[in-house]
């Protein structure tokens, strides 16, 4: 793995979470402590598959919060191409501005799913739908706060953990300690890569706050989203307390073979490889495809 970057942990950003109960996704508004600048991470657009209808309750709640606090939105970050919810990034960008960013390996994901969904040549596979493609250890600014993007493949090729001051946003690389880790069986996923990425993440400072993208309340506990690197290293049920790469890969592949596909994977992937835009037919109407026996 690439060596760890130098981090600016002196900043303690304000982090506000927004939970979407349809997909068990946690989105975040992250405010620079020394300015009115902020970033949004992993925004959600709701979709009713039975009715084929979009709605924006979660995104609207984030927009209302940003406006109420007088914040200036500078970045809309996608930690990866989500397979369980549709992105609300372009909807929020239309209302508040900001740049949409994702990891550079979106190109790999676009190529893979461009074939699965039989997208034509009009679908660009160069990441041009996004405003910024981050490379490993790339930095960017949110107000006075220098942020760092770490490439953490395994769940998907384009996964990145974003570090903002003393807060790391894990995407699907890790869940809460009692939730373990994300699956690695989607096209382009790899359990060994996921272990290596988690090992890199766990090498960050113990007291760094860690915010997860999903939580399912294992054992019936209340939904949670904040932990620390130290807590993950000590207690994560999949990788804590010195779990080996071999043991992790065996566990992950066995577990993944028993999982069903996410309910919204088909619409989510078509939308999210386009930075949250819904594909349109020749008449200009929003239209989704259902590939058969491809996933």
C-alpha atoms as a PDB file:
ATOM      1  CA  UNK A   1       0.000   0.000   0.000  1.00  0.00           C
ATOM      2  CA  UNK A   2       1.068   3.595  -0.485  1.00  0.00           C
ATOM      3  CA  UNK A   3       2.634   5.095   2.620  1.00  0.00           C
ATOM      4  CA  UNK A   4       0.472   7.178   4.900  1.00  0.00           C
ATOM      5  CA  UNK A   5       0.244  10.901   4.138  1.00  0.00           C
ATOM      6  CA  UNK A   6       1.089  13.659   6.580  1.00  0.00           C
ATOM      7  CA  UNK A   7      -2.202  14.643   8.210  1.00  0.00           C
ATOM      8  CA  UNK A   8      -3.436  17.895   9.719  1.00  0.00           C
ATOM      9  CA  UNK A   9      -5.330  16.630  12.759  1.00  0.00           C
ATOM     10  CA  UNK A  10      -5.326  19.892  14.701  1.00  0.00           C
ATOM     11  CA  UNK A  11      -8.633  20.829  13.116  1.00  0.00           C
ATOM     12  CA  UNK A  12     -11.781  19.509  14.804  1.00  0.00           C
ATOM     13  CA  UNK A  13     -14.558  19.896  12.224  1.00  0.00           C
ATOM     14  CA  UNK A  14     -18.206  19.958  13.235  1.00  0.00           C
ATOM     15  CA  UNK A  15     -19.871  16.833  11.828  1.00  0.00           C
ATOM     16  CA  UNK A  16     -23.651  16.585  11.488  1.00  0.00           C
ATOM     17  CA  UNK A  17     -25.180  13.249  10.462  1.00  0.00           C
ATOM     18  CA  UNK A  18     -28.340  12.563   8.435  1.00  0.00           C
ATOM     19  CA  UNK A  19     -29.770   9.021   8.503  1.00  0.00           C
ATOM     20  CA  UNK A  20     -31.744   7.575   5.585  1.00  0.00           C
ATOM     21  CA  UNK A  21     -33.824   4.643   6.807  1.00  0.00           C
ATOM     22  CA  UNK A  22     -34.600   3.284   3.333  1.00  0.00           C
ATOM     23  CA  UNK A  23     -30.945   2.367   2.735  1.00  0.00           C
ATOM     24  CA  UNK A  24     -29.509   2.683   6.266  1.00  0.00           C
ATOM     25  CA  UNK A  25     -27.156   5.321   4.888  1.00  0.00           C
ATOM     26  CA  UNK A  26     -25.577   8.055   6.972  1.00  0.00           C
ATOM     27  CA  UNK A  27     -24.743  11.257   5.082  1.00  0.00           C
ATOM     28  CA  UNK A  28     -22.760  14.104   6.595  1.00  0.00           C
ATOM     29  CA  UNK A  29     -22.369  17.866   6.564  1.00  0.00           C
ATOM     30  CA  UNK A  30     -18.802  18.624   7.652  1.00  0.00           C
ATOM     31  CA  UNK A  31     -18.030  22.223   8.674  1.00  0.00           C
ATOM     32  CA  UNK A  32     -14.581  23.755   8.815  1.00  0.00           C
ATOM     33  CA  UNK A  33     -14.180  24.963  12.448  1.00  0.00           C
ATOM     34  CA  UNK A  34     -12.524  28.222  11.371  1.00  0.00           C
ATOM     35  CA  UNK A  35     -14.829  29.370   8.574  1.00  0.00           C
ATOM     36  CA  UNK A  36     -18.335  28.948   7.190  1.00  0.00           C
ATOM     37  CA  UNK A  37     -17.153  26.463   4.552  1.00  0.00           C
ATOM     38  CA  UNK A  38     -18.517  22.926   4.545  1.00  0.00           C
ATOM     39  CA  UNK A  39     -18.599  19.675   2.623  1.00  0.00           C
ATOM     40  CA  UNK A  40     -21.331  17.088   2.090  1.00  0.00           C
ATOM     41  CA  UNK A  41     -20.422  13.403   2.124  1.00  0.00           C
ATOM     42  CA  UNK A  42     -22.483  10.595   0.530  1.00  0.00           C
ATOM     43  CA  UNK A  43     -25.764  12.434  -0.063  1.00  0.00           C
ATOM     44  CA  UNK A  44     -28.907  10.373  -0.728  1.00  0.00           C
ATOM     45  CA  UNK A  45     -31.729  10.655  -3.264  1.00  0.00           C
ATOM     46  CA  UNK A  46     -34.688   8.424  -2.369  1.00  0.00           C
ATOM     47  CA  UNK A  47     -36.217   6.082  -4.954  1.00  0.00           C
ATOM     48  CA  UNK A  48     -39.448   4.097  -4.799  1.00  0.00           C
ATOM     49  CA  UNK A  49     -38.811   1.127  -7.128  1.00  0.00           C
ATOM     50  CA  UNK A  50     -42.461   0.035  -7.203  1.00  0.00           C
ATOM     51  CA  UNK A  51     -43.660   3.438  -8.388  1.00  0.00           C
ATOM     52  CA  UNK A  52     -40.482   4.478 -10.199  1.00  0.00           C
ATOM     53  CA  UNK A  53     -40.484   7.790  -8.328  1.00  0.00           C
ATOM     54  CA  UNK A  54     -37.657   9.912  -6.995  1.00  0.00           C
ATOM     55  CA  UNK A  55     -37.822  12.073  -3.880  1.00  0.00           C
ATOM     56  CA  UNK A  56     -35.373  14.301  -2.054  1.00  0.00           C
ATOM     57  CA  UNK A  57     -36.270  14.307   1.644  1.00  0.00           C
ATOM     58  CA  UNK A  58     -32.749  13.543   2.852  1.00  0.00           C
ATOM     59  CA  UNK A  59     -31.064  15.984   0.480  1.00  0.00           C
ATOM     60  CA  UNK A  60     -33.605  18.683   1.353  1.00  0.00           C
ATOM     61  CA  UNK A  61     -32.850  18.210   5.057  1.00  0.00           C
ATOM     62  CA  UNK A  62     -29.152  18.763   4.370  1.00  0.00           C
ATOM     63  CA  UNK A  63     -29.848  21.800   2.215  1.00  0.00           C
ATOM     64  CA  UNK A  64     -32.083  23.294   4.921  1.00  0.00           C
ATOM     65  CA  UNK A  65     -29.388  22.738   7.544  1.00  0.00           C
ATOM     66  CA  UNK A  66     -26.647  24.321   5.428  1.00  0.00           C
ATOM     67  CA  UNK A  67     -28.796  27.359   4.665  1.00  0.00           C
ATOM     68  CA  UNK A  68     -29.950  27.728   8.286  1.00  0.00           C
ATOM     69  CA  UNK A  69     -26.366  27.852   9.511  1.00  0.00           C
ATOM     70  CA  UNK A  70     -25.254  30.227   6.778  1.00  0.00           C
ATOM     71  CA  UNK A  71     -22.682  27.784   5.438  1.00  0.00           C
ATOM     72  CA  UNK A  72     -20.976  27.800   2.066  1.00  0.00           C
ATOM     73  CA  UNK A  73     -20.862  24.391   0.362  1.00  0.00           C
ATOM     74  CA  UNK A  74     -17.520  23.781  -1.306  1.00  0.00           C
ATOM     75  CA  UNK A  75     -17.431  20.017  -1.886  1.00  0.00           C
ATOM     76  CA  UNK A  76     -19.915  17.181  -2.419  1.00  0.00           C
ATOM     77  CA  UNK A  77     -17.922  14.013  -1.832  1.00  0.00           C
ATOM     78  CA  UNK A  78     -18.811  10.511  -2.986  1.00  0.00           C
ATOM     79  CA  UNK A  79     -16.786   7.940  -1.038  1.00  0.00           C
ATOM     80  CA  UNK A  80     -17.452   5.432  -3.853  1.00  0.00           C
ATOM     81  CA  UNK A  81     -20.093   4.348  -6.376  1.00  0.00           C
ATOM     82  CA  UNK A  82     -22.829   3.219  -3.990  1.00  0.00           C
ATOM     83  CA  UNK A  83     -24.865   0.114  -4.816  1.00  0.00           C
ATOM     84  CA  UNK A  84     -27.572   0.602  -2.185  1.00  0.00           C
ATOM     85  CA  UNK A  85     -28.758   4.170  -2.651  1.00  0.00           C
ATOM     86  CA  UNK A  86     -28.968   6.790  -5.361  1.00  0.00           C
ATOM     87  CA  UNK A  87     -26.769   9.858  -5.006  1.00  0.00           C
ATOM     88  CA  UNK A  88     -28.314  13.219  -4.186  1.00  0.00           C
ATOM     89  CA  UNK A  89     -25.158  15.072  -5.268  1.00  0.00           C
ATOM     90  CA  UNK A  90     -26.435  16.889  -8.400  1.00  0.00           C
ATOM     91  CA  UNK A  91     -29.649  17.921  -6.647  1.00  0.00           C
ATOM     92  CA  UNK A  92     -27.677  19.511  -3.816  1.00  0.00           C
ATOM     93  CA  UNK A  93     -25.193  21.057  -6.235  1.00  0.00           C
ATOM     94  CA  UNK A  94     -28.040  22.680  -8.176  1.00  0.00           C
ATOM     95  CA  UNK A  95     -29.309  24.279  -4.961  1.00  0.00           C
ATOM     96  CA  UNK A  96     -26.045  25.218  -3.253  1.00  0.00           C
ATOM     97  CA  UNK A  97     -23.134  24.894  -5.678  1.00  0.00           C
ATOM     98  CA  UNK A  98     -19.943  23.058  -4.750  1.00  0.00           C
ATOM     99  CA  UNK A  99     -17.826  20.541  -6.663  1.00  0.00           C
ATOM    100  CA  UNK A 100     -18.636  16.831  -6.900  1.00  0.00           C
ATOM    101  CA  UNK A 101     -15.613  14.621  -6.267  1.00  0.00           C
ATOM    102  CA  UNK A 102     -14.906  10.876  -6.392  1.00  0.00           C
ATOM    103  CA  UNK A 103     -11.856   8.621  -6.687  1.00  0.00           C
ATOM    104  CA  UNK A 104     -10.100   8.331 -10.051  1.00  0.00           C
ATOM    105  CA  UNK A 105     -10.888   4.625 -10.264  1.00  0.00           C
ATOM    106  CA  UNK A 106     -14.454   5.581 -11.120  1.00  0.00           C
ATOM    107  CA  UNK A 107     -13.199   4.935 -14.658  1.00  0.00           C
ATOM    108  CA  UNK A 108     -12.856   1.219 -13.831  1.00  0.00           C
ATOM    109  CA  UNK A 109     -16.350   1.142 -12.344  1.00  0.00           C
ATOM    110  CA  UNK A 110     -17.827   2.993 -15.327  1.00  0.00           C
ATOM    111  CA  UNK A 111     -16.213   0.547 -17.747  1.00  0.00           C
ATOM    112  CA  UNK A 112     -17.430  -2.488 -15.788  1.00  0.00           C
ATOM    113  CA  UNK A 113     -21.020  -1.377 -15.368  1.00  0.00           C
ATOM    114  CA  UNK A 114     -21.180   0.327 -18.745  1.00  0.00           C
ATOM    115  CA  UNK A 115     -20.925  -3.195 -20.167  1.00  0.00           C
ATOM    116  CA  UNK A 116     -23.362  -4.739 -17.688  1.00  0.00           C
ATOM    117  CA  UNK A 117     -26.013  -2.120 -18.464  1.00  0.00           C
ATOM    118  CA  UNK A 118     -25.197  -2.156 -22.185  1.00  0.00           C
ATOM    119  CA  UNK A 119     -24.594   1.581 -22.241  1.00  0.00           C
ATOM    120  CA  UNK A 120     -23.968   3.058 -25.676  1.00  0.00           C
ATOM    121  CA  UNK A 121     -21.027   5.126 -26.846  1.00  0.00           C
ATOM    122  CA  UNK A 122     -22.798   8.268 -25.621  1.00  0.00           C
ATOM    123  CA  UNK A 123     -22.008   7.212 -22.045  1.00  0.00           C
ATOM    124  CA  UNK A 124     -18.600   8.683 -21.236  1.00  0.00           C
ATOM    125  CA  UNK A 125     -16.344   6.325 -19.305  1.00  0.00           C
ATOM    126  CA  UNK A 126     -13.726   8.967 -18.443  1.00  0.00           C
ATOM    127  CA  UNK A 127     -15.162  10.311 -15.179  1.00  0.00           C
ATOM    128  CA  UNK A 128     -16.096  13.592 -16.856  1.00  0.00           C
ATOM    129  CA  UNK A 129     -19.492  13.580 -15.092  1.00  0.00           C
ATOM    130  CA  UNK A 130     -17.620  14.560 -11.904  1.00  0.00           C
ATOM    131  CA  UNK A 131     -15.844  17.832 -11.160  1.00  0.00           C
ATOM    132  CA  UNK A 132     -12.775  16.214  -9.573  1.00  0.00           C
ATOM    133  CA  UNK A 133     -11.224  12.762  -9.646  1.00  0.00           C
ATOM    134  CA  UNK A 134      -9.066  12.203  -6.566  1.00  0.00           C
ATOM    135  CA  UNK A 135      -5.831  10.243  -6.653  1.00  0.00           C
ATOM    136  CA  UNK A 136      -4.363   8.442  -3.650  1.00  0.00           C
ATOM    137  CA  UNK A 137      -3.175  10.933  -0.996  1.00  0.00           C
ATOM    138  CA  UNK A 138      -4.676  13.805  -3.015  1.00  0.00           C
ATOM    139  CA  UNK A 139      -5.503  16.911  -0.965  1.00  0.00           C
ATOM    140  CA  UNK A 140      -8.187  19.563  -1.280  1.00  0.00           C
ATOM    141  CA  UNK A 141      -9.454  22.441   0.837  1.00  0.00           C
ATOM    142  CA  UNK A 142     -12.671  22.960   2.759  1.00  0.00           C
ATOM    143  CA  UNK A 143     -12.302  26.513   3.985  1.00  0.00           C
ATOM    144  CA  UNK A 144      -9.075  26.589   6.014  1.00  0.00           C
ATOM    145  CA  UNK A 145      -9.018  22.810   6.405  1.00  0.00           C
ATOM    146  CA  UNK A 146      -6.745  20.670   4.224  1.00  0.00           C
ATOM    147  CA  UNK A 147      -8.412  17.313   3.524  1.00  0.00           C
ATOM    148  CA  UNK A 148      -6.851  14.087   2.249  1.00  0.00           C
ATOM    149  CA  UNK A 149      -8.303  11.285   0.123  1.00  0.00           C
ATOM    150  CA  UNK A 150      -6.926   7.761   0.654  1.00  0.00           C
ATOM    151  CA  UNK A 151      -7.538   5.061  -1.940  1.00  0.00           C
ATOM    152  CA  UNK A 152      -9.062   2.066  -0.108  1.00  0.00           C
ATOM    153  CA  UNK A 153     -10.189  -0.491  -2.719  1.00  0.00           C
ATOM    154  CA  UNK A 154     -11.782  -3.837  -1.961  1.00  0.00           C
ATOM    155  CA  UNK A 155     -15.483  -3.093  -1.590  1.00  0.00           C
ATOM    156  CA  UNK A 156     -15.222  -1.361  -4.981  1.00  0.00           C
ATOM    157  CA  UNK A 157     -12.185  -0.272  -7.024  1.00  0.00           C
ATOM    158  CA  UNK A 158     -13.018   3.418  -6.510  1.00  0.00           C
ATOM    159  CA  UNK A 159     -13.463   3.478  -2.713  1.00  0.00           C
ATOM    160  CA  UNK A 160     -11.736   6.305  -0.849  1.00  0.00           C
ATOM    161  CA  UNK A 161     -11.568   7.313   2.803  1.00  0.00           C
ATOM    162  CA  UNK A 162     -11.672  11.084   3.256  1.00  0.00           C
ATOM    163  CA  UNK A 163      -9.802  12.642   6.164  1.00  0.00           C
ATOM    164  CA  UNK A 164     -10.861  16.094   7.341  1.00  0.00           C
ATOM    165  CA  UNK A 165      -8.928  17.290  10.381  1.00  0.00           C
ATOM    166  CA  UNK A 166      -9.374  14.705  13.144  1.00  0.00           C
ATOM    167  CA  UNK A 167     -12.278  13.008  11.329  1.00  0.00           C
ATOM    168  CA  UNK A 168     -12.099  10.167   8.803  1.00  0.00           C
ATOM    169  CA  UNK A 169     -15.089   9.226   6.656  1.00  0.00           C
ATOM    170  CA  UNK A 170     -14.838   5.517   5.919  1.00  0.00           C
ATOM    171  CA  UNK A 171     -17.470   5.033   3.236  1.00  0.00           C
ATOM    172  CA  UNK A 172     -18.090   1.266   3.177  1.00  0.00           C
ATOM    173  CA  UNK A 173     -14.529   0.263   4.065  1.00  0.00           C
ATOM    174  CA  UNK A 174     -15.509  -0.252   7.714  1.00  0.00           C
ATOM    175  CA  UNK A 175     -18.749  -0.302   9.667  1.00  0.00           C
ATOM    176  CA  UNK A 176     -19.135   0.209  13.411  1.00  0.00           C
ATOM    177  CA  UNK A 177     -16.992  -2.257  15.444  1.00  0.00           C
ATOM    178  CA  UNK A 178     -19.940  -4.629  15.998  1.00  0.00           C
ATOM    179  CA  UNK A 179     -20.862  -4.398  12.300  1.00  0.00           C
ATOM    180  CA  UNK A 180     -17.479  -5.363  10.886  1.00  0.00           C
ATOM    181  CA  UNK A 181     -16.791  -4.610   7.235  1.00  0.00           C
ATOM    182  CA  UNK A 182     -18.562  -4.263   3.909  1.00  0.00           C
ATOM    183  CA  UNK A 183     -18.988  -7.001   1.324  1.00  0.00           C
ATOM    184  CA  UNK A 184     -16.371  -7.490  -1.385  1.00  0.00           C
ATOM    185  CA  UNK A 185     -18.246  -9.563  -3.980  1.00  0.00           C
ATOM    186  CA  UNK A 186     -19.512  -6.877  -6.351  1.00  0.00           C
ATOM    187  CA  UNK A 187     -17.797  -6.741  -9.783  1.00  0.00           C
ATOM    188  CA  UNK A 188     -14.325  -5.318  -9.133  1.00  0.00           C
ATOM    189  CA  UNK A 189     -14.417  -6.114  -5.407  1.00  0.00           C
ATOM    190  CA  UNK A 190     -11.703  -8.139  -3.694  1.00  0.00           C
ATOM    191  CA  UNK A 191     -11.610  -9.364  -0.097  1.00  0.00           C
ATOM    192  CA  UNK A 192      -7.815  -9.343   0.072  1.00  0.00           C
ATOM    193  CA  UNK A 193      -7.676  -5.767  -1.158  1.00  0.00           C
ATOM    194  CA  UNK A 194     -10.326  -4.828   1.389  1.00  0.00           C
ATOM    195  CA  UNK A 195      -8.212  -6.274   4.209  1.00  0.00           C
ATOM    196  CA  UNK A 196      -5.179  -4.331   2.983  1.00  0.00           C
ATOM    197  CA  UNK A 197      -7.230  -1.128   2.821  1.00  0.00           C
ATOM    198  CA  UNK A 198      -8.606  -1.659   6.323  1.00  0.00           C
ATOM    199  CA  UNK A 199      -5.074  -2.331   7.602  1.00  0.00           C
ATOM    200  CA  UNK A 200      -4.005   0.991   6.138  1.00  0.00           C
ATOM    201  CA  UNK A 201      -6.960   2.749   7.717  1.00  0.00           C
ATOM    202  CA  UNK A 202      -6.261   1.209  11.122  1.00  0.00           C
ATOM    203  CA  UNK A 203      -2.708   2.592  10.999  1.00  0.00           C
ATOM    204  CA  UNK A 204      -4.112   6.099  11.461  1.00  0.00           C
ATOM    205  CA  UNK A 205      -3.911   7.670  14.956  1.00  0.00           C
ATOM    206  CA  UNK A 206      -5.967   5.975  17.686  1.00  0.00           C
ATOM    207  CA  UNK A 207      -7.902   9.110  18.589  1.00  0.00           C
ATOM    208  CA  UNK A 208      -8.983   9.954  15.049  1.00  0.00           C
ATOM    209  CA  UNK A 209     -12.779  10.001  14.842  1.00  0.00           C
ATOM    210  CA  UNK A 210     -14.209   7.556  12.300  1.00  0.00           C
ATOM    211  CA  UNK A 211     -17.593   8.051  10.659  1.00  0.00           C
ATOM    212  CA  UNK A 212     -19.269   5.192   8.771  1.00  0.00           C
ATOM    213  CA  UNK A 213     -21.582   5.336   5.752  1.00  0.00           C
ATOM    214  CA  UNK A 214     -23.996   2.606   6.860  1.00  0.00           C
ATOM    215  CA  UNK A 215     -25.283   1.103  10.076  1.00  0.00           C
ATOM    216  CA  UNK A 216     -27.863  -1.632  10.600  1.00  0.00           C
ATOM    217  CA  UNK A 217     -28.120  -1.709  14.398  1.00  0.00           C
ATOM    218  CA  UNK A 218     -26.737  -5.231  15.031  1.00  0.00           C
ATOM    219  CA  UNK A 219     -28.514  -6.988  17.864  1.00  0.00           C
ATOM    220  CA  UNK A 220     -31.232  -4.354  17.896  1.00  0.00           C
ATOM    221  CA  UNK A 221     -29.043  -1.543  19.235  1.00  0.00           C
ATOM    222  CA  UNK A 222     -29.714   2.068  18.272  1.00  0.00           C
ATOM    223  CA  UNK A 223     -28.301   3.271  14.953  1.00  0.00           C
ATOM    224  CA  UNK A 224     -24.772   4.656  15.405  1.00  0.00           C
ATOM    225  CA  UNK A 225     -22.173   6.191  13.116  1.00  0.00           C
ATOM    226  CA  UNK A 226     -19.197   7.519  15.082  1.00  0.00           C
ATOM    227  CA  UNK A 227     -16.309   5.514  16.523  1.00  0.00           C
ATOM    228  CA  UNK A 228     -12.503   5.907  16.615  1.00  0.00           C
ATOM    229  CA  UNK A 229      -9.583   4.212  14.933  1.00  0.00           C
ATOM    230  CA  UNK A 230      -8.484   2.866  18.323  1.00  0.00           C
ATOM    231  CA  UNK A 231     -11.897   1.335  18.992  1.00  0.00           C
ATOM    232  CA  UNK A 232     -11.923  -0.275  15.558  1.00  0.00           C
ATOM    233  CA  UNK A 233      -8.451  -1.742  15.981  1.00  0.00           C
ATOM    234  CA  UNK A 234      -9.356  -3.231  19.344  1.00  0.00           C
ATOM    235  CA  UNK A 235     -12.908  -4.407  18.806  1.00  0.00           C
ATOM    236  CA  UNK A 236     -13.973  -4.640  15.137  1.00  0.00           C
ATOM    237  CA  UNK A 237     -15.518  -8.114  14.830  1.00  0.00           C
ATOM    238  CA  UNK A 238     -13.925  -8.747  11.413  1.00  0.00           C
ATOM    239  CA  UNK A 239     -10.462  -7.197  11.692  1.00  0.00           C
ATOM    240  CA  UNK A 240      -9.917  -6.200  15.322  1.00  0.00           C
ATOM    241  CA  UNK A 241      -7.406  -7.710  17.718  1.00  0.00           C
ATOM    242  CA  UNK A 242      -4.958  -8.878  15.053  1.00  0.00           C
ATOM    243  CA  UNK A 243      -7.175 -10.810  12.645  1.00  0.00           C
ATOM    244  CA  UNK A 244      -5.016 -12.219   9.817  1.00  0.00           C
ATOM    245  CA  UNK A 245      -5.481 -11.536   6.116  1.00  0.00           C
ATOM    246  CA  UNK A 246      -6.133 -15.238   5.448  1.00  0.00           C
ATOM    247  CA  UNK A 247      -8.805 -15.436   8.130  1.00  0.00           C
ATOM    248  CA  UNK A 248     -10.451 -12.243   6.927  1.00  0.00           C
ATOM    249  CA  UNK A 249     -10.582 -13.346   3.285  1.00  0.00           C
ATOM    250  CA  UNK A 250     -12.054 -16.704   4.267  1.00  0.00           C
ATOM    251  CA  UNK A 251     -14.678 -15.056   6.485  1.00  0.00           C
ATOM    252  CA  UNK A 252     -15.537 -12.354   3.960  1.00  0.00           C
ATOM    253  CA  UNK A 253     -15.912 -14.673   0.978  1.00  0.00           C
ATOM    254  CA  UNK A 254     -18.000 -17.164   2.963  1.00  0.00           C
ATOM    255  CA  UNK A 255     -20.237 -14.413   4.299  1.00  0.00           C
ATOM    256  CA  UNK A 256     -20.604 -12.668   0.930  1.00  0.00           C
ATOM    257  CA  UNK A 257     -21.761 -15.883  -0.729  1.00  0.00           C
ATOM    258  CA  UNK A 258     -24.786 -15.856   1.582  1.00  0.00           C
ATOM    259  CA  UNK A 259     -25.815 -12.237   0.962  1.00  0.00           C
ATOM    260  CA  UNK A 260     -28.542 -11.139  -1.422  1.00  0.00           C
ATOM    261  CA  UNK A 261     -28.127  -8.161  -3.726  1.00  0.00           C
ATOM    262  CA  UNK A 262     -29.047  -4.726  -2.293  1.00  0.00           C
ATOM    263  CA  UNK A 263     -32.646  -3.824  -3.146  1.00  0.00           C
ATOM    264  CA  UNK A 264     -31.657  -0.676  -5.033  1.00  0.00           C
ATOM    265  CA  UNK A 265     -28.496  -1.928  -6.747  1.00  0.00           C
ATOM    266  CA  UNK A 266     -29.868  -1.728 -10.306  1.00  0.00           C
ATOM    267  CA  UNK A 267     -31.080   1.891 -10.206  1.00  0.00           C
ATOM    268  CA  UNK A 268     -28.239   2.976  -7.911  1.00  0.00           C
ATOM    269  CA  UNK A 269     -25.415   1.871 -10.176  1.00  0.00           C
ATOM    270  CA  UNK A 270     -26.943   3.375 -13.315  1.00  0.00           C
ATOM    271  CA  UNK A 271     -27.376   6.707 -11.571  1.00  0.00           C
ATOM    272  CA  UNK A 272     -24.194   6.803  -9.517  1.00  0.00           C
ATOM    273  CA  UNK A 273     -21.776   6.058 -12.369  1.00  0.00           C
ATOM    274  CA  UNK A 274     -23.213   9.280 -13.812  1.00  0.00           C
ATOM    275  CA  UNK A 275     -22.491  11.338 -10.659  1.00  0.00           C
ATOM    276  CA  UNK A 276     -26.126  11.092  -9.561  1.00  0.00           C
ATOM    277  CA  UNK A 277     -27.796  11.926 -12.875  1.00  0.00           C
ATOM    278  CA  UNK A 278     -30.608   9.612 -14.028  1.00  0.00           C
ATOM    279  CA  UNK A 279     -30.056   8.322 -17.585  1.00  0.00           C
ATOM    280  CA  UNK A 280     -32.480   9.491 -20.264  1.00  0.00           C
ATOM    281  CA  UNK A 281     -33.957   7.871 -23.340  1.00  0.00           C
ATOM    282  CA  UNK A 282     -34.023   9.344 -26.843  1.00  0.00           C
ATOM    283  CA  UNK A 283     -37.076  11.429 -25.942  1.00  0.00           C
ATOM    284  CA  UNK A 284     -35.262  12.945 -22.960  1.00  0.00           C
ATOM    285  CA  UNK A 285     -37.277  11.059 -20.353  1.00  0.00           C
ATOM    286  CA  UNK A 286     -35.542   9.595 -17.282  1.00  0.00           C
ATOM    287  CA  UNK A 287     -35.361   5.841 -17.867  1.00  0.00           C
ATOM    288  CA  UNK A 288     -33.655   2.922 -16.110  1.00  0.00           C
ATOM    289  CA  UNK A 289     -32.729  -0.512 -17.464  1.00  0.00           C
ATOM    290  CA  UNK A 290     -33.054  -3.913 -15.796  1.00  0.00           C
ATOM    291  CA  UNK A 291     -30.288  -6.246 -17.000  1.00  0.00           C
ATOM    292  CA  UNK A 292     -31.191  -9.927 -16.642  1.00  0.00           C
ATOM    293  CA  UNK A 293     -28.738 -12.465 -15.161  1.00  0.00           C
ATOM    294  CA  UNK A 294     -25.869  -9.956 -15.216  1.00  0.00           C
ATOM    295  CA  UNK A 295     -25.329  -9.282 -11.495  1.00  0.00           C
END
